[in-house]
């Protein structure tokens, strides 16, 4: 329910002012929704998940940029454990972050917990709540958007959608979760046979971000197209000057 959507969905009448299609269609107004403790908690969780996933996206941007510089520089940089340190730190940080979002512990905030509660309590995301967030005159547009979330006509967001997202998350993140448990959070007596690859970390992060963006839009009506960062300053400036200076 983005501002762009609302603006584009508002036709003008012959006098040039916006027409109220709700009235024209003979619709009855749906009042603005009241607060709901559980739903309000979900929105708080969404904000925390946004911050965590955005940090992982920033990490990836930095890692990809630095590795591109190292690969493409001519002449090549000297070999150093510094590069191993960056690689290990990045891999562990990303893997731990992905694991956080599939954490099932009772005292944490995670994307898995958010979707699990939604799947168990879908009535909290009802048609009245969803459409009532639209201004009168645009509620017809809310009806159209809600129809795609409730194809079975249940009167609330289809819980199967959340359940399917959970299964996708667990399927793609399980090996990463096992790797973190055995190699990062603990020193396992019997380590895993292999550790997740950088490609697997990317795939998992992309999936988690896509799932989060969709559900955040449902919960908050804020249409975020991507969590990929856009730096507003020259964050590579420190690399444009020598780090080590001669003692002379």
C-alpha atoms as a PDB file:
ATOM      1  CA  UNK A   1       0.000   0.000   0.000  1.00  0.00           C
ATOM      2  CA  UNK A   2       2.610   2.503  -1.075  1.00  0.00           C
ATOM      3  CA  UNK A   3       2.047   6.231  -1.524  1.00  0.00           C
ATOM      4  CA  UNK A   4       2.748   5.745  -5.195  1.00  0.00           C
ATOM      5  CA  UNK A   5       0.017   3.118  -5.385  1.00  0.00           C
ATOM      6  CA  UNK A   6      -2.449   5.383  -3.664  1.00  0.00           C
ATOM      7  CA  UNK A   7      -1.621   8.324  -5.905  1.00  0.00           C
ATOM      8  CA  UNK A   8      -1.919   6.312  -9.091  1.00  0.00           C
ATOM      9  CA  UNK A   9      -5.191   4.769  -7.991  1.00  0.00           C
ATOM     10  CA  UNK A  10      -7.011   8.070  -7.605  1.00  0.00           C
ATOM     11  CA  UNK A  11      -8.785   9.154 -10.812  1.00  0.00           C
ATOM     12  CA  UNK A  12      -9.999  12.705 -11.426  1.00  0.00           C
ATOM     13  CA  UNK A  13     -13.556  13.723 -12.154  1.00  0.00           C
ATOM     14  CA  UNK A  14     -14.653  16.166 -14.830  1.00  0.00           C
ATOM     15  CA  UNK A  15     -13.909  19.155 -12.585  1.00  0.00           C
ATOM     16  CA  UNK A  16     -10.336  17.981 -12.117  1.00  0.00           C
ATOM     17  CA  UNK A  17     -10.660  16.969  -8.448  1.00  0.00           C
ATOM     18  CA  UNK A  18     -10.168  13.446  -7.168  1.00  0.00           C
ATOM     19  CA  UNK A  19     -13.235  11.223  -7.479  1.00  0.00           C
ATOM     20  CA  UNK A  20     -14.358   9.154  -4.496  1.00  0.00           C
ATOM     21  CA  UNK A  21     -14.727   5.724  -6.044  1.00  0.00           C
ATOM     22  CA  UNK A  22     -15.846   4.237  -2.748  1.00  0.00           C
ATOM     23  CA  UNK A  23     -18.933   6.434  -2.868  1.00  0.00           C
ATOM     24  CA  UNK A  24     -19.370   5.894  -6.582  1.00  0.00           C
ATOM     25  CA  UNK A  25     -19.301   2.124  -6.043  1.00  0.00           C
ATOM     26  CA  UNK A  26     -21.823   2.360  -3.207  1.00  0.00           C
ATOM     27  CA  UNK A  27     -19.369   1.046  -0.643  1.00  0.00           C
ATOM     28  CA  UNK A  28     -19.751   1.479   3.106  1.00  0.00           C
ATOM     29  CA  UNK A  29     -16.799   3.008   4.982  1.00  0.00           C
ATOM     30  CA  UNK A  30     -14.628   0.668   7.037  1.00  0.00           C
ATOM     31  CA  UNK A  31     -13.391   2.473  10.180  1.00  0.00           C
ATOM     32  CA  UNK A  32      -9.714   2.847  10.943  1.00  0.00           C
ATOM     33  CA  UNK A  33      -8.505  -0.196  12.883  1.00  0.00           C
ATOM     34  CA  UNK A  34      -7.939  -0.058  16.613  1.00  0.00           C
ATOM     35  CA  UNK A  35      -4.719  -1.153  18.233  1.00  0.00           C
ATOM     36  CA  UNK A  36      -4.167  -4.827  18.956  1.00  0.00           C
ATOM     37  CA  UNK A  37      -1.450  -5.958  21.412  1.00  0.00           C
ATOM     38  CA  UNK A  38      -0.330  -8.978  19.417  1.00  0.00           C
ATOM     39  CA  UNK A  39      -0.403  -7.176  16.085  1.00  0.00           C
ATOM     40  CA  UNK A  40       1.458  -4.221  17.612  1.00  0.00           C
ATOM     41  CA  UNK A  41       4.100  -6.677  18.851  1.00  0.00           C
ATOM     42  CA  UNK A  42       4.468  -8.073  15.334  1.00  0.00           C
ATOM     43  CA  UNK A  43       5.092  -4.572  14.009  1.00  0.00           C
ATOM     44  CA  UNK A  44       7.776  -4.023  16.675  1.00  0.00           C
ATOM     45  CA  UNK A  45       9.355  -7.315  15.698  1.00  0.00           C
ATOM     46  CA  UNK A  46       9.291  -6.296  12.039  1.00  0.00           C
ATOM     47  CA  UNK A  47      11.248  -3.142  12.862  1.00  0.00           C
ATOM     48  CA  UNK A  48      13.901  -5.170  14.732  1.00  0.00           C
ATOM     49  CA  UNK A  49      14.143  -7.696  11.881  1.00  0.00           C
ATOM     50  CA  UNK A  50      14.505  -4.840   9.394  1.00  0.00           C
ATOM     51  CA  UNK A  51      17.475  -3.469  11.339  1.00  0.00           C
ATOM     52  CA  UNK A  52      19.147  -6.869  11.535  1.00  0.00           C
ATOM     53  CA  UNK A  53      18.669  -7.825   7.885  1.00  0.00           C
ATOM     54  CA  UNK A  54      19.713  -4.340   6.749  1.00  0.00           C
ATOM     55  CA  UNK A  55      22.968  -4.746   8.681  1.00  0.00           C
ATOM     56  CA  UNK A  56      23.604  -8.050   6.891  1.00  0.00           C
ATOM     57  CA  UNK A  57      22.932  -6.344   3.563  1.00  0.00           C
ATOM     58  CA  UNK A  58      25.470  -3.631   4.418  1.00  0.00           C
ATOM     59  CA  UNK A  59      28.002  -6.299   5.373  1.00  0.00           C
ATOM     60  CA  UNK A  60      27.522  -7.945   1.999  1.00  0.00           C
ATOM     61  CA  UNK A  61      27.913  -4.662   0.122  1.00  0.00           C
ATOM     62  CA  UNK A  62      31.209  -3.986   1.903  1.00  0.00           C
ATOM     63  CA  UNK A  63      32.459  -7.535   1.334  1.00  0.00           C
ATOM     64  CA  UNK A  64      31.598  -7.571  -2.359  1.00  0.00           C
ATOM     65  CA  UNK A  65      33.161  -4.172  -2.947  1.00  0.00           C
ATOM     66  CA  UNK A  66      36.386  -4.978  -1.130  1.00  0.00           C
ATOM     67  CA  UNK A  67      36.829  -8.361  -2.783  1.00  0.00           C
ATOM     68  CA  UNK A  68      36.267  -6.771  -6.187  1.00  0.00           C
ATOM     69  CA  UNK A  69      38.987  -4.236  -5.410  1.00  0.00           C
ATOM     70  CA  UNK A  70      41.384  -6.970  -4.308  1.00  0.00           C
ATOM     71  CA  UNK A  71      40.718  -9.112  -7.388  1.00  0.00           C
ATOM     72  CA  UNK A  72      40.867  -6.350  -9.969  1.00  0.00           C
ATOM     73  CA  UNK A  73      43.773  -4.296  -8.611  1.00  0.00           C
ATOM     74  CA  UNK A  74      46.914  -4.209 -10.736  1.00  0.00           C
ATOM     75  CA  UNK A  75      49.504  -4.819  -9.524  1.00  0.00           C
ATOM     76  CA  UNK A  76      47.982  -7.321  -7.109  1.00  0.00           C
ATOM     77  CA  UNK A  77      48.150  -6.690  -3.393  1.00  0.00           C
ATOM     78  CA  UNK A  78      50.659  -8.757  -1.376  1.00  0.00           C
ATOM     79  CA  UNK A  79      49.388 -11.901   0.324  1.00  0.00           C
ATOM     80  CA  UNK A  80      48.337 -11.408   3.946  1.00  0.00           C
ATOM     81  CA  UNK A  81      46.345 -12.995   6.742  1.00  0.00           C
ATOM     82  CA  UNK A  82      44.323  -9.758   6.670  1.00  0.00           C
ATOM     83  CA  UNK A  83      42.317 -11.170   3.751  1.00  0.00           C
ATOM     84  CA  UNK A  84      41.704 -14.434   5.613  1.00  0.00           C
ATOM     85  CA  UNK A  85      40.550 -12.429   8.604  1.00  0.00           C
ATOM     86  CA  UNK A  86      38.063 -10.432   6.526  1.00  0.00           C
ATOM     87  CA  UNK A  87      36.732 -13.578   4.869  1.00  0.00           C
ATOM     88  CA  UNK A  88      36.315 -15.485   8.136  1.00  0.00           C
ATOM     89  CA  UNK A  89      34.749 -12.531   9.927  1.00  0.00           C
ATOM     90  CA  UNK A  90      32.311 -11.895   7.102  1.00  0.00           C
ATOM     91  CA  UNK A  91      31.292 -15.548   6.794  1.00  0.00           C
ATOM     92  CA  UNK A  92      30.741 -15.976  10.530  1.00  0.00           C
ATOM     93  CA  UNK A  93      28.851 -12.699  10.875  1.00  0.00           C
ATOM     94  CA  UNK A  94      26.523 -13.470   7.962  1.00  0.00           C
ATOM     95  CA  UNK A  95      25.936 -17.064   8.984  1.00  0.00           C
ATOM     96  CA  UNK A  96      25.142 -16.024  12.564  1.00  0.00           C
ATOM     97  CA  UNK A  97      22.762 -13.345  11.295  1.00  0.00           C
ATOM     98  CA  UNK A  98      20.908 -15.812   9.097  1.00  0.00           C
ATOM     99  CA  UNK A  99      20.704 -18.235  11.995  1.00  0.00           C
ATOM    100  CA  UNK A 100      19.152 -15.491  14.160  1.00  0.00           C
ATOM    101  CA  UNK A 101      16.242 -15.173  11.766  1.00  0.00           C
ATOM    102  CA  UNK A 102      15.344 -18.877  12.024  1.00  0.00           C
ATOM    103  CA  UNK A 103      15.820 -19.005  15.800  1.00  0.00           C
ATOM    104  CA  UNK A 104      12.873 -20.679  17.548  1.00  0.00           C
ATOM    105  CA  UNK A 105      13.798 -19.746  21.125  1.00  0.00           C
ATOM    106  CA  UNK A 106      10.936 -18.309  23.168  1.00  0.00           C
ATOM    107  CA  UNK A 107      12.836 -15.184  24.256  1.00  0.00           C
ATOM    108  CA  UNK A 108      14.067 -13.908  20.872  1.00  0.00           C
ATOM    109  CA  UNK A 109      12.782 -11.907  17.940  1.00  0.00           C
ATOM    110  CA  UNK A 110      13.141 -13.632  14.595  1.00  0.00           C
ATOM    111  CA  UNK A 111      11.470 -13.851  11.224  1.00  0.00           C
ATOM    112  CA  UNK A 112      10.615 -17.469  11.967  1.00  0.00           C
ATOM    113  CA  UNK A 113       8.792 -16.490  15.171  1.00  0.00           C
ATOM    114  CA  UNK A 114       6.964 -13.653  13.441  1.00  0.00           C
ATOM    115  CA  UNK A 115       5.655 -15.886  10.670  1.00  0.00           C
ATOM    116  CA  UNK A 116       4.851 -18.685  13.100  1.00  0.00           C
ATOM    117  CA  UNK A 117       2.660 -16.396  15.183  1.00  0.00           C
ATOM    118  CA  UNK A 118       0.969 -15.016  12.068  1.00  0.00           C
ATOM    119  CA  UNK A 119       0.272 -18.544  10.809  1.00  0.00           C
ATOM    120  CA  UNK A 120      -1.250 -19.433  14.190  1.00  0.00           C
ATOM    121  CA  UNK A 121      -3.243 -16.184  14.538  1.00  0.00           C
ATOM    122  CA  UNK A 122      -4.177 -15.073  11.001  1.00  0.00           C
ATOM    123  CA  UNK A 123      -7.449 -13.523  12.167  1.00  0.00           C
ATOM    124  CA  UNK A 124      -5.419 -10.608  13.548  1.00  0.00           C
ATOM    125  CA  UNK A 125      -4.732  -9.642   9.925  1.00  0.00           C
ATOM    126  CA  UNK A 126      -8.364  -9.372   8.917  1.00  0.00           C
ATOM    127  CA  UNK A 127      -9.954  -7.748   5.917  1.00  0.00           C
ATOM    128  CA  UNK A 128     -11.412  -4.996   8.111  1.00  0.00           C
ATOM    129  CA  UNK A 129      -8.008  -4.222   9.619  1.00  0.00           C
ATOM    130  CA  UNK A 130      -6.269  -4.213   6.239  1.00  0.00           C
ATOM    131  CA  UNK A 131      -8.807  -2.166   4.291  1.00  0.00           C
ATOM    132  CA  UNK A 132      -9.517   0.167   7.225  1.00  0.00           C
ATOM    133  CA  UNK A 133      -5.973   1.535   6.968  1.00  0.00           C
ATOM    134  CA  UNK A 134      -6.867   3.107   3.605  1.00  0.00           C
ATOM    135  CA  UNK A 135      -8.441   6.537   3.490  1.00  0.00           C
ATOM    136  CA  UNK A 136     -12.119   6.659   2.585  1.00  0.00           C
ATOM    137  CA  UNK A 137     -12.225   7.030  -1.178  1.00  0.00           C
ATOM    138  CA  UNK A 138      -9.325   4.586  -1.595  1.00  0.00           C
ATOM    139  CA  UNK A 139     -10.665   1.629   0.343  1.00  0.00           C
ATOM    140  CA  UNK A 140     -11.709  -0.042  -2.891  1.00  0.00           C
ATOM    141  CA  UNK A 141      -7.998  -0.271  -3.691  1.00  0.00           C
ATOM    142  CA  UNK A 142      -7.366  -1.898  -0.315  1.00  0.00           C
ATOM    143  CA  UNK A 143      -9.994  -4.490  -1.199  1.00  0.00           C
ATOM    144  CA  UNK A 144      -8.131  -5.306  -4.405  1.00  0.00           C
ATOM    145  CA  UNK A 145      -4.820  -5.714  -2.613  1.00  0.00           C
ATOM    146  CA  UNK A 146      -6.370  -7.779   0.161  1.00  0.00           C
ATOM    147  CA  UNK A 147      -7.988 -10.151  -2.324  1.00  0.00           C
ATOM    148  CA  UNK A 148      -4.525 -11.341  -3.366  1.00  0.00           C
ATOM    149  CA  UNK A 149      -3.712 -12.112   0.286  1.00  0.00           C
ATOM    150  CA  UNK A 150      -6.954 -14.014   0.868  1.00  0.00           C
ATOM    151  CA  UNK A 151      -7.620 -16.054  -2.285  1.00  0.00           C
ATOM    152  CA  UNK A 152      -9.866 -18.476  -0.375  1.00  0.00           C
ATOM    153  CA  UNK A 153     -12.138 -15.728   0.964  1.00  0.00           C
ATOM    154  CA  UNK A 154     -11.407 -16.517   4.614  1.00  0.00           C
ATOM    155  CA  UNK A 155     -11.738 -12.895   5.687  1.00  0.00           C
ATOM    156  CA  UNK A 156      -8.129 -12.737   6.844  1.00  0.00           C
ATOM    157  CA  UNK A 157      -4.646 -13.188   5.398  1.00  0.00           C
ATOM    158  CA  UNK A 158      -4.124 -16.758   4.237  1.00  0.00           C
ATOM    159  CA  UNK A 159      -2.072 -18.532   6.962  1.00  0.00           C
ATOM    160  CA  UNK A 160      -0.760 -21.042   4.415  1.00  0.00           C
ATOM    161  CA  UNK A 161       1.312 -18.270   2.880  1.00  0.00           C
ATOM    162  CA  UNK A 162       3.194 -17.739   6.150  1.00  0.00           C
ATOM    163  CA  UNK A 163       3.579 -21.497   6.641  1.00  0.00           C
ATOM    164  CA  UNK A 164       5.049 -21.894   3.148  1.00  0.00           C
ATOM    165  CA  UNK A 165       7.523 -19.082   3.777  1.00  0.00           C
ATOM    166  CA  UNK A 166       8.600 -20.793   6.997  1.00  0.00           C
ATOM    167  CA  UNK A 167       9.284 -24.027   5.136  1.00  0.00           C
ATOM    168  CA  UNK A 168      11.346 -22.192   2.512  1.00  0.00           C
ATOM    169  CA  UNK A 169      13.356 -20.451   5.219  1.00  0.00           C
ATOM    170  CA  UNK A 170      14.092 -23.644   7.113  1.00  0.00           C
ATOM    171  CA  UNK A 171      14.994 -25.544   3.971  1.00  0.00           C
ATOM    172  CA  UNK A 172      17.560 -23.022   2.817  1.00  0.00           C
ATOM    173  CA  UNK A 173      18.927 -21.977   6.208  1.00  0.00           C
ATOM    174  CA  UNK A 174      19.184 -25.329   7.977  1.00  0.00           C
ATOM    175  CA  UNK A 175      22.740 -26.122   6.814  1.00  0.00           C
ATOM    176  CA  UNK A 176      23.820 -22.615   7.762  1.00  0.00           C
ATOM    177  CA  UNK A 177      22.215 -23.005  11.186  1.00  0.00           C
ATOM    178  CA  UNK A 178      24.009 -26.332  11.698  1.00  0.00           C
ATOM    179  CA  UNK A 179      27.315 -24.794  10.627  1.00  0.00           C
ATOM    180  CA  UNK A 180      26.967 -21.945  13.107  1.00  0.00           C
ATOM    181  CA  UNK A 181      26.020 -24.308  15.921  1.00  0.00           C
ATOM    182  CA  UNK A 182      29.029 -26.554  15.294  1.00  0.00           C
ATOM    183  CA  UNK A 183      31.700 -24.055  14.253  1.00  0.00           C
ATOM    184  CA  UNK A 184      30.774 -20.582  15.581  1.00  0.00           C
ATOM    185  CA  UNK A 185      28.532 -20.756  18.640  1.00  0.00           C
ATOM    186  CA  UNK A 186      30.143 -24.008  19.845  1.00  0.00           C
ATOM    187  CA  UNK A 187      33.262 -26.059  19.231  1.00  0.00           C
ATOM    188  CA  UNK A 188      31.597 -29.327  18.311  1.00  0.00           C
ATOM    189  CA  UNK A 189      33.277 -32.626  19.137  1.00  0.00           C
ATOM    190  CA  UNK A 190      32.108 -33.851  15.738  1.00  0.00           C
ATOM    191  CA  UNK A 191      32.262 -30.909  13.319  1.00  0.00           C
ATOM    192  CA  UNK A 192      30.052 -30.757  10.255  1.00  0.00           C
ATOM    193  CA  UNK A 193      31.466 -32.406   7.154  1.00  0.00           C
ATOM    194  CA  UNK A 194      31.287 -29.112   5.252  1.00  0.00           C
ATOM    195  CA  UNK A 195      30.530 -25.485   5.942  1.00  0.00           C
ATOM    196  CA  UNK A 196      28.129 -23.193   4.023  1.00  0.00           C
ATOM    197  CA  UNK A 197      29.553 -21.462   0.979  1.00  0.00           C
ATOM    198  CA  UNK A 198      29.445 -17.741   0.261  1.00  0.00           C
ATOM    199  CA  UNK A 199      26.876 -18.481  -2.454  1.00  0.00           C
ATOM    200  CA  UNK A 200      24.640 -20.236   0.096  1.00  0.00           C
ATOM    201  CA  UNK A 201      24.903 -17.252   2.417  1.00  0.00           C
ATOM    202  CA  UNK A 202      23.844 -14.954  -0.439  1.00  0.00           C
ATOM    203  CA  UNK A 203      20.906 -17.170  -1.400  1.00  0.00           C
ATOM    204  CA  UNK A 204      19.683 -17.386   2.184  1.00  0.00           C
ATOM    205  CA  UNK A 205      19.956 -13.640   2.748  1.00  0.00           C
ATOM    206  CA  UNK A 206      18.102 -12.900  -0.491  1.00  0.00           C
ATOM    207  CA  UNK A 207      15.283 -15.245   0.517  1.00  0.00           C
ATOM    208  CA  UNK A 208      14.984 -13.851   4.038  1.00  0.00           C
ATOM    209  CA  UNK A 209      14.962 -10.287   2.705  1.00  0.00           C
ATOM    210  CA  UNK A 210      12.266 -11.044   0.120  1.00  0.00           C
ATOM    211  CA  UNK A 211      10.060 -12.758   2.702  1.00  0.00           C
ATOM    212  CA  UNK A 212      10.553  -9.939   5.189  1.00  0.00           C
ATOM    213  CA  UNK A 213       9.788  -7.195   2.655  1.00  0.00           C
ATOM    214  CA  UNK A 214       6.486  -8.868   1.732  1.00  0.00           C
ATOM    215  CA  UNK A 215       5.275  -9.345   5.301  1.00  0.00           C
ATOM    216  CA  UNK A 216       6.486  -5.965   6.461  1.00  0.00           C
ATOM    217  CA  UNK A 217       4.365  -4.373   3.726  1.00  0.00           C
ATOM    218  CA  UNK A 218       1.328  -6.329   4.945  1.00  0.00           C
ATOM    219  CA  UNK A 219       1.924  -5.341   8.569  1.00  0.00           C
ATOM    220  CA  UNK A 220       2.965  -1.704   8.180  1.00  0.00           C
ATOM    221  CA  UNK A 221       1.686  -0.664   4.720  1.00  0.00           C
ATOM    222  CA  UNK A 222       5.246   0.475   3.940  1.00  0.00           C
ATOM    223  CA  UNK A 223       6.304  -0.840   0.542  1.00  0.00           C
ATOM    224  CA  UNK A 224      10.068  -1.400   0.761  1.00  0.00           C
ATOM    225  CA  UNK A 225      11.333  -2.657  -2.573  1.00  0.00           C
ATOM    226  CA  UNK A 226      14.733  -3.810  -1.303  1.00  0.00           C
ATOM    227  CA  UNK A 227      17.006  -3.859   1.730  1.00  0.00           C
ATOM    228  CA  UNK A 228      20.085  -3.245  -0.406  1.00  0.00           C
ATOM    229  CA  UNK A 229      21.947  -0.200   0.967  1.00  0.00           C
ATOM    230  CA  UNK A 230      22.631   3.019  -0.951  1.00  0.00           C
ATOM    231  CA  UNK A 231      25.535   4.847   0.742  1.00  0.00           C
ATOM    232  CA  UNK A 232      25.074   8.613   0.957  1.00  0.00           C
ATOM    233  CA  UNK A 233      28.786   9.387   1.312  1.00  0.00           C
ATOM    234  CA  UNK A 234      32.155   8.166   0.044  1.00  0.00           C
ATOM    235  CA  UNK A 235      32.590   5.257   2.432  1.00  0.00           C
ATOM    236  CA  UNK A 236      35.694   4.097   0.541  1.00  0.00           C
ATOM    237  CA  UNK A 237      37.523   7.368   1.288  1.00  0.00           C
ATOM    238  CA  UNK A 238      39.876   5.748   3.870  1.00  0.00           C
ATOM    239  CA  UNK A 239      41.184   3.435   1.136  1.00  0.00           C
ATOM    240  CA  UNK A 240      42.200   6.360  -1.039  1.00  0.00           C
ATOM    241  CA  UNK A 241      45.014   7.408   1.313  1.00  0.00           C
ATOM    242  CA  UNK A 242      48.052   5.438   2.539  1.00  0.00           C
ATOM    243  CA  UNK A 243      47.439   3.594   5.813  1.00  0.00           C
ATOM    244  CA  UNK A 244      51.099   3.238   6.753  1.00  0.00           C
ATOM    245  CA  UNK A 245      53.371   6.273   6.736  1.00  0.00           C
ATOM    246  CA  UNK A 246      57.159   6.216   6.781  1.00  0.00           C
ATOM    247  CA  UNK A 247      58.597   7.190  10.141  1.00  0.00           C
ATOM    248  CA  UNK A 248      60.668   9.847   8.354  1.00  0.00           C
END
